[in-house]
Amino acid sequence: MHRPRARRYPFVASVELTNTETEEQVLGQTTEVSLFGCRVEKVKLLPPDTKVRIRIVHSGESFLALGRVVYARVGMGIVFTMIDANKGLVLEKWIARVEKLT
């Protein structure tokens, strides 16, 4: 079973996943986020090990990264494999806001 490398925080935001091989797009929403990945719900499941581009939109800001599906059961676990440096700051800001609330 996959164990997260960092604390996960509850975080609901719109997400768009694009399979990097087929360009198929899947829409859903995050339920949790960490510095290394997220959990995605309400989507068509992609098989484990599928490589994806991920775009998360929240409060008028967006986060972009490359990732890989770690598991696909009721929802999907996505690990970030490459994060754009500027967009990484957006993710850190979102997590800092959530940390203050927990």
Protein backbone atom coordinates (compact mmCIF):
# COMPACT_ATOMS: atom_id res chain seq x y z
CA MET A 1 0.00 0.00 0.00
CA HIS A 2 1.25 3.47 -0.89
CA ARG A 3 2.03 5.76 2.04
CA PRO A 4 2.18 9.54 1.54
CA ARG A 5 5.57 11.23 2.01
CA ALA A 6 4.08 14.38 3.53
CA ARG A 7 1.06 15.32 5.59
CA ARG A 8 -2.14 15.48 3.57
CA TYR A 9 -4.59 18.32 4.03
CA PRO A 10 -8.28 18.46 3.16
CA PHE A 11 -8.50 20.59 0.04
CA VAL A 12 -11.36 20.80 -2.43
CA ALA A 13 -10.57 22.31 -5.82
CA SER A 14 -11.32 21.69 -9.49
CA VAL A 15 -8.82 19.45 -11.23
CA GLU A 16 -8.12 18.55 -14.84
CA LEU A 17 -6.00 15.50 -15.61
CA THR A 18 -4.64 14.89 -19.10
CA ASN A 19 -3.22 11.49 -20.02
CA THR A 20 0.15 12.40 -21.58
CA GLU A 21 0.01 9.47 -24.04
CA THR A 22 -3.56 9.74 -25.33
CA GLU A 23 -4.33 13.43 -24.48
CA GLU A 24 -7.62 12.21 -22.93
CA GLN A 25 -8.85 14.76 -20.40
CA VAL A 26 -10.60 13.84 -17.17
CA LEU A 27 -12.28 16.39 -14.88
CA GLY A 28 -12.89 16.05 -11.17
CA GLN A 29 -12.00 17.58 -7.84
CA THR A 30 -9.32 17.15 -5.24
CA THR A 31 -10.22 16.06 -1.72
CA GLU A 32 -6.71 16.11 -0.26
CA VAL A 33 -3.39 17.71 -1.19
CA SER A 34 0.22 17.52 -0.01
CA LEU A 35 3.52 18.89 -1.30
CA PHE A 36 4.03 15.63 -3.21
CA GLY A 37 0.59 14.73 -4.56
CA CYS A 38 -3.17 14.76 -4.23
CA ARG A 39 -6.28 12.61 -4.11
CA VAL A 40 -8.81 13.11 -6.89
CA GLU A 41 -12.51 12.16 -6.73
CA LYS A 42 -15.51 12.16 -9.06
CA VAL A 43 -13.61 11.23 -12.17
CA LYS A 44 -13.26 8.44 -14.63
CA LEU A 45 -10.45 6.38 -13.13
CA LEU A 46 -7.18 6.13 -15.01
CA PRO A 47 -5.08 2.99 -14.52
CA PRO A 48 -2.16 3.00 -12.07
CA ASP A 49 1.13 4.23 -13.58
CA THR A 50 -0.67 6.45 -16.12
CA LYS A 51 1.39 9.60 -16.65
CA VAL A 52 -0.66 12.80 -16.48
CA ARG A 53 -0.49 16.56 -16.66
CA ILE A 54 -2.46 17.96 -13.75
CA ARG A 55 -4.03 21.37 -13.40
CA ILE A 56 -5.66 22.35 -10.11
CA VAL A 57 -7.67 25.59 -9.95
CA HIS A 58 -8.62 27.25 -6.67
CA SER A 59 -9.50 30.86 -5.75
CA GLY A 60 -8.51 32.20 -9.15
CA GLU A 61 -5.05 30.60 -9.10
CA SER A 62 -3.81 27.46 -10.83
CA PHE A 63 -1.19 24.83 -10.08
CA LEU A 64 0.41 22.85 -12.90
CA ALA A 65 2.52 19.71 -12.67
CA LEU A 66 3.33 16.40 -14.26
CA GLY A 67 2.30 13.36 -12.26
CA ARG A 68 1.58 9.67 -12.19
CA VAL A 69 -1.44 7.71 -10.98
CA VAL A 70 -0.36 5.77 -7.88
CA TYR A 71 -3.67 4.02 -7.21
CA ALA A 72 -7.16 3.97 -8.71
CA ARG A 73 -9.92 2.64 -6.48
CA VAL A 74 -12.85 4.81 -5.40
CA GLY A 75 -10.68 7.83 -6.22
CA MET A 76 -7.18 8.24 -7.57
CA GLY A 77 -3.91 9.05 -5.88
CA ILE A 78 -1.63 11.24 -7.97
CA VAL A 79 2.04 11.77 -7.17
CA PHE A 80 3.61 14.92 -8.58
CA THR A 81 6.71 14.04 -10.63
CA MET A 82 7.65 17.51 -11.89
CA ILE A 83 6.34 20.84 -10.60
CA ASP A 84 6.82 24.15 -12.37
CA ALA A 85 8.84 26.28 -9.93
CA ASN A 86 6.47 29.26 -10.07
CA LYS A 87 3.40 27.06 -9.67
CA GLY A 88 5.00 25.24 -6.75
CA LEU A 89 4.72 28.49 -4.82
CA VAL A 90 0.96 28.47 -5.43
CA LEU A 91 0.70 24.96 -3.93
CA GLU A 92 2.78 25.99 -0.91
CA LYS A 93 0.54 29.01 -0.35
CA TRP A 94 -2.62 26.86 -0.49
CA ILE A 95 -1.15 24.38 2.00
CA ALA A 96 -0.07 27.19 4.34
CA ARG A 97 -3.64 28.54 4.36
CA VAL A 98 -5.07 25.10 5.15
CA GLU A 99 -2.46 24.51 7.90
CA LYS A 100 -3.69 27.63 9.70
CA LEU A 101 -7.20 26.18 9.77
CA THR A 102 -6.19 22.77 11.15
